[in-house]
Amino acid sequence: MGVLVALTLLLTACSSIDRGTITAKVIEPAHTTISTTCVPVGKVMVCTPHTIYDDEDFRFDIQLEDETGFVYVDENTFNQHDEGDFYEQQ
């Protein structure tokens, strides 16, 4: 869960705006990512798999004048707004 929070904050920080007209409502499906890290131990390579699960995410694509961006919101907020609504992150 901590990885998800950090990733969400990082992705939210990439958006230059936090308010505007909702131009799209996007549901990003849950998914699992598996990566492998290998390190040498003596003359042997030891590889360890890492599984990261990312829950379903809810996002508004927003526009304010000539700027566009996106914000991640919780499911309740997502369901309370429609495309064309003005949204301001609290």
N, C-alpha and C. Protein backbone atom coordinates (compact mmCIF):
# COMPACT_ATOMS: atom_id res chain seq x y z
N MET A 1 0.83 -1.20 0.00
CA MET A 1 0.00 0.00 0.00
C MET A 1 0.87 1.25 0.00
N GLY A 2 2.00 1.24 0.71
CA GLY A 2 2.88 2.40 0.75
C GLY A 2 3.42 2.76 -0.62
N VAL A 3 3.71 1.72 -1.42
CA VAL A 3 4.19 1.96 -2.78
C VAL A 3 3.11 2.66 -3.59
N LEU A 4 1.87 2.22 -3.44
CA LEU A 4 0.76 2.83 -4.16
C LEU A 4 0.61 4.29 -3.79
N VAL A 5 0.66 4.60 -2.50
CA VAL A 5 0.54 5.98 -2.04
C VAL A 5 1.67 6.83 -2.61
N ALA A 6 2.90 6.33 -2.55
CA ALA A 6 4.03 7.07 -3.08
C ALA A 6 3.89 7.28 -4.57
N LEU A 7 3.45 6.25 -5.29
CA LEU A 7 3.27 6.37 -6.73
C LEU A 7 2.17 7.37 -7.06
N THR A 8 1.08 7.31 -6.33
CA THR A 8 -0.01 8.25 -6.55
C THR A 8 0.45 9.68 -6.32
N LEU A 9 1.17 9.91 -5.23
CA LEU A 9 1.68 11.25 -4.97
C LEU A 9 2.63 11.70 -6.06
N LEU A 10 3.48 10.81 -6.51
CA LEU A 10 4.41 11.15 -7.57
C LEU A 10 3.67 11.50 -8.84
N LEU A 11 2.69 10.69 -9.22
CA LEU A 11 1.94 10.96 -10.44
C LEU A 11 1.11 12.22 -10.33
N THR A 12 0.53 12.45 -9.17
CA THR A 12 -0.24 13.67 -8.97
C THR A 12 0.67 14.88 -9.07
N ALA A 13 1.87 14.78 -8.56
CA ALA A 13 2.81 15.89 -8.61
C ALA A 13 3.21 16.22 -10.04
N CYS A 14 3.08 15.27 -10.96
CA CYS A 14 3.44 15.51 -12.35
C CYS A 14 2.42 16.39 -13.05
N SER A 15 1.22 16.48 -12.55
CA SER A 15 0.19 17.31 -13.14
C SER A 15 0.36 18.74 -12.64
N SER A 16 0.32 19.67 -13.56
CA SER A 16 0.61 21.06 -13.18
C SER A 16 -0.59 21.78 -12.58
N ILE A 17 -1.78 21.21 -12.70
CA ILE A 17 -2.96 21.88 -12.15
C ILE A 17 -3.72 20.94 -11.22
N ASP A 18 -4.46 21.52 -10.27
CA ASP A 18 -5.23 20.70 -9.33
C ASP A 18 -6.71 21.09 -9.33
N ARG A 19 -7.11 21.88 -10.32
CA ARG A 19 -8.52 22.25 -10.45
C ARG A 19 -8.80 22.55 -11.91
N GLY A 20 -10.06 22.40 -12.28
CA GLY A 20 -10.45 22.68 -13.65
C GLY A 20 -11.69 21.90 -14.02
N THR A 21 -12.07 22.02 -15.28
CA THR A 21 -13.24 21.32 -15.81
C THR A 21 -12.85 19.88 -16.12
N ILE A 22 -13.68 18.95 -15.67
CA ILE A 22 -13.42 17.54 -15.91
C ILE A 22 -13.68 17.25 -17.38
N THR A 23 -12.63 16.82 -18.09
CA THR A 23 -12.76 16.49 -19.51
C THR A 23 -12.90 14.99 -19.73
N ALA A 24 -12.50 14.19 -18.75
CA ALA A 24 -12.65 12.74 -18.84
C ALA A 24 -12.58 12.13 -17.45
N LYS A 25 -13.34 11.06 -17.26
CA LYS A 25 -13.27 10.26 -16.04
C LYS A 25 -12.65 8.93 -16.42
N VAL A 26 -11.57 8.57 -15.75
CA VAL A 26 -10.82 7.37 -16.13
C VAL A 26 -10.72 6.43 -14.93
N ILE A 27 -11.05 5.17 -15.17
CA ILE A 27 -10.82 4.13 -14.16
C ILE A 27 -9.64 3.31 -14.65
N GLU A 28 -8.57 3.33 -13.88
CA GLU A 28 -7.39 2.53 -14.20
C GLU A 28 -7.55 1.20 -13.48
N PRO A 29 -7.63 0.09 -14.21
CA PRO A 29 -7.87 -1.20 -13.56
C PRO A 29 -6.72 -1.63 -12.67
N ALA A 30 -7.06 -2.42 -11.67
CA ALA A 30 -6.03 -3.00 -10.80
C ALA A 30 -5.12 -3.88 -11.64
N HIS A 31 -3.86 -3.92 -11.25
CA HIS A 31 -2.93 -4.78 -11.98
C HIS A 31 -1.76 -5.17 -11.08
N THR A 32 -1.09 -6.21 -11.49
CA THR A 32 0.07 -6.72 -10.77
C THR A 32 1.29 -6.62 -11.67
N THR A 33 2.39 -6.13 -11.11
CA THR A 33 3.65 -6.03 -11.82
C THR A 33 4.65 -6.94 -11.11
N ILE A 34 5.36 -7.72 -11.89
CA ILE A 34 6.38 -8.61 -11.33
C ILE A 34 7.72 -8.23 -11.95
N SER A 35 8.70 -7.97 -11.09
CA SER A 35 10.06 -7.69 -11.57
C SER A 35 11.02 -8.61 -10.82
N THR A 36 12.19 -8.75 -11.37
CA THR A 36 13.20 -9.61 -10.76
C THR A 36 14.49 -8.82 -10.55
N THR A 37 15.06 -8.93 -9.36
CA THR A 37 16.34 -8.31 -9.05
C THR A 37 17.37 -9.42 -8.87
N CYS A 38 18.49 -9.28 -9.58
CA CYS A 38 19.55 -10.29 -9.49
C CYS A 38 20.82 -9.64 -8.93
N VAL A 39 21.45 -10.31 -8.00
CA VAL A 39 22.71 -9.82 -7.42
C VAL A 39 23.72 -10.97 -7.37
N PRO A 40 24.98 -10.65 -7.61
CA PRO A 40 25.99 -11.70 -7.53
C PRO A 40 26.31 -12.02 -6.07
N VAL A 41 26.37 -13.30 -5.76
CA VAL A 41 26.77 -13.79 -4.44
C VAL A 41 27.89 -14.80 -4.70
N GLY A 42 29.12 -14.35 -4.50
CA GLY A 42 30.26 -15.20 -4.86
C GLY A 42 30.27 -15.40 -6.37
N LYS A 43 30.27 -16.67 -6.79
CA LYS A 43 30.27 -16.97 -8.22
C LYS A 43 28.87 -17.29 -8.75
N VAL A 44 27.86 -17.07 -7.90
CA VAL A 44 26.48 -17.42 -8.27
C VAL A 44 25.63 -16.15 -8.33
N MET A 45 24.71 -16.09 -9.31
CA MET A 45 23.74 -15.00 -9.38
C MET A 45 22.48 -15.44 -8.63
N VAL A 46 22.05 -14.64 -7.66
CA VAL A 46 20.83 -14.94 -6.91
C VAL A 46 19.76 -13.96 -7.36
N CYS A 47 18.67 -14.48 -7.87
CA CYS A 47 17.57 -13.65 -8.38
C CYS A 47 16.36 -13.77 -7.47
N THR A 48 15.75 -12.62 -7.18
CA THR A 48 14.58 -12.58 -6.31
C THR A 48 13.44 -11.88 -7.04
N PRO A 49 12.28 -12.53 -7.16
CA PRO A 49 11.13 -11.87 -7.80
C PRO A 49 10.45 -10.93 -6.80
N HIS A 50 9.91 -9.84 -7.32
CA HIS A 50 9.17 -8.86 -6.52
C HIS A 50 7.80 -8.66 -7.18
N THR A 51 6.76 -8.82 -6.41
CA THR A 51 5.41 -8.64 -6.92
C THR A 51 4.81 -7.38 -6.30
N ILE A 52 4.33 -6.49 -7.15
CA ILE A 52 3.70 -5.24 -6.69
C ILE A 52 2.27 -5.21 -7.22
N TYR A 53 1.32 -5.11 -6.31
CA TYR A 53 -0.09 -5.02 -6.69
C TYR A 53 -0.53 -3.57 -6.58
N ASP A 54 -1.17 -3.06 -7.62
CA ASP A 54 -1.69 -1.69 -7.63
C ASP A 54 -3.21 -1.77 -7.73
N ASP A 55 -3.90 -1.26 -6.72
CA ASP A 55 -5.36 -1.25 -6.70
C ASP A 55 -5.92 -0.43 -7.85
N GLU A 56 -7.21 -0.60 -8.07
CA GLU A 56 -7.93 0.22 -9.05
C GLU A 56 -7.79 1.69 -8.65
N ASP A 57 -7.56 2.56 -9.64
CA ASP A 57 -7.41 4.00 -9.39
C ASP A 57 -8.47 4.77 -10.17
N PHE A 58 -8.87 5.91 -9.61
CA PHE A 58 -9.88 6.76 -10.22
C PHE A 58 -9.25 8.12 -10.50
N ARG A 59 -9.39 8.59 -11.75
CA ARG A 59 -8.69 9.81 -12.17
C ARG A 59 -9.63 10.70 -12.97
N PHE A 60 -9.50 12.01 -12.72
CA PHE A 60 -10.15 13.01 -13.57
C PHE A 60 -9.08 13.65 -14.43
N ASP A 61 -9.31 13.70 -15.74
CA ASP A 61 -8.51 14.56 -16.61
C ASP A 61 -9.19 15.91 -16.55
N ILE A 62 -8.41 16.96 -16.31
CA ILE A 62 -9.00 18.29 -16.12
C ILE A 62 -8.32 19.31 -17.02
N GLN A 63 -9.05 20.40 -17.27
CA GLN A 63 -8.51 21.50 -18.07
C GLN A 63 -8.91 22.81 -17.42
N LEU A 64 -7.95 23.73 -17.34
CA LEU A 64 -8.19 25.07 -16.82
C LEU A 64 -7.56 26.03 -17.82
N GLU A 65 -8.41 26.72 -18.55
CA GLU A 65 -7.98 27.59 -19.66
C GLU A 65 -7.15 26.77 -20.63
N ASP A 66 -5.87 27.10 -20.83
CA ASP A 66 -5.06 26.36 -21.81
C ASP A 66 -4.18 25.28 -21.16
N GLU A 67 -4.33 25.05 -19.86
CA GLU A 67 -3.56 24.02 -19.16
C GLU A 67 -4.40 22.76 -19.00
N THR A 68 -3.74 21.61 -19.15
CA THR A 68 -4.41 20.34 -18.90
C THR A 68 -3.62 19.55 -17.87
N GLY A 69 -4.28 18.67 -17.20
CA GLY A 69 -3.62 17.83 -16.20
C GLY A 69 -4.57 16.75 -15.74
N PHE A 70 -4.27 16.16 -14.60
CA PHE A 70 -5.10 15.10 -14.06
C PHE A 70 -4.95 15.07 -12.56
N VAL A 71 -5.95 14.54 -11.89
CA VAL A 71 -5.91 14.34 -10.44
C VAL A 71 -6.48 12.96 -10.13
N TYR A 72 -5.88 12.29 -9.17
CA TYR A 72 -6.42 11.03 -8.67
C TYR A 72 -7.37 11.35 -7.52
N VAL A 73 -8.51 10.68 -7.51
CA VAL A 73 -9.54 10.91 -6.48
C VAL A 73 -10.00 9.57 -5.94
N ASP A 74 -10.71 9.62 -4.82
CA ASP A 74 -11.27 8.38 -4.28
C ASP A 74 -12.55 8.01 -5.06
N GLU A 75 -13.03 6.81 -4.87
CA GLU A 75 -14.18 6.32 -5.63
C GLU A 75 -15.44 7.15 -5.38
N ASN A 76 -15.67 7.58 -4.13
CA ASN A 76 -16.85 8.39 -3.84
C ASN A 76 -16.82 9.70 -4.60
N THR A 77 -15.68 10.39 -4.59
CA THR A 77 -15.54 11.65 -5.32
C THR A 77 -15.75 11.41 -6.81
N PHE A 78 -15.17 10.33 -7.31
CA PHE A 78 -15.31 9.97 -8.72
C PHE A 78 -16.78 9.84 -9.10
N ASN A 79 -17.55 9.17 -8.24
CA ASN A 79 -18.96 8.92 -8.54
C ASN A 79 -19.83 10.16 -8.37
N GLN A 80 -19.37 11.16 -7.63
CA GLN A 80 -20.17 12.37 -7.39
C GLN A 80 -20.03 13.42 -8.48
N HIS A 81 -19.11 13.23 -9.42
CA HIS A 81 -18.87 14.23 -10.46
C HIS A 81 -19.07 13.64 -11.85
N ASP A 82 -19.42 14.52 -12.78
CA ASP A 82 -19.60 14.13 -14.18
C ASP A 82 -18.64 14.92 -15.05
N GLU A 83 -18.40 14.43 -16.25
CA GLU A 83 -17.62 15.20 -17.21
C GLU A 83 -18.33 16.54 -17.41
N GLY A 84 -17.56 17.61 -17.49
CA GLY A 84 -18.11 18.96 -17.63
C GLY A 84 -18.22 19.69 -16.31
N ASP A 85 -18.19 18.97 -15.18
CA ASP A 85 -18.22 19.61 -13.85
C ASP A 85 -16.88 20.29 -13.60
N PHE A 86 -16.91 21.34 -12.77
CA PHE A 86 -15.67 21.96 -12.31
C PHE A 86 -15.24 21.24 -11.05
N TYR A 87 -13.97 20.84 -10.98
CA TYR A 87 -13.45 20.12 -9.82
C TYR A 87 -12.24 20.88 -9.28
N GLU A 88 -12.21 21.01 -7.96
CA GLU A 88 -11.05 21.61 -7.28
C GLU A 88 -10.59 20.68 -6.19
N GLN A 89 -9.32 20.27 -6.25
CA GLN A 89 -8.78 19.33 -5.26
C GLN A 89 -8.73 20.01 -3.90
N GLN A 90 -9.23 19.31 -2.88
CA GLN A 90 -9.28 19.86 -1.52
C GLN A 90 -7.98 19.65 -0.79
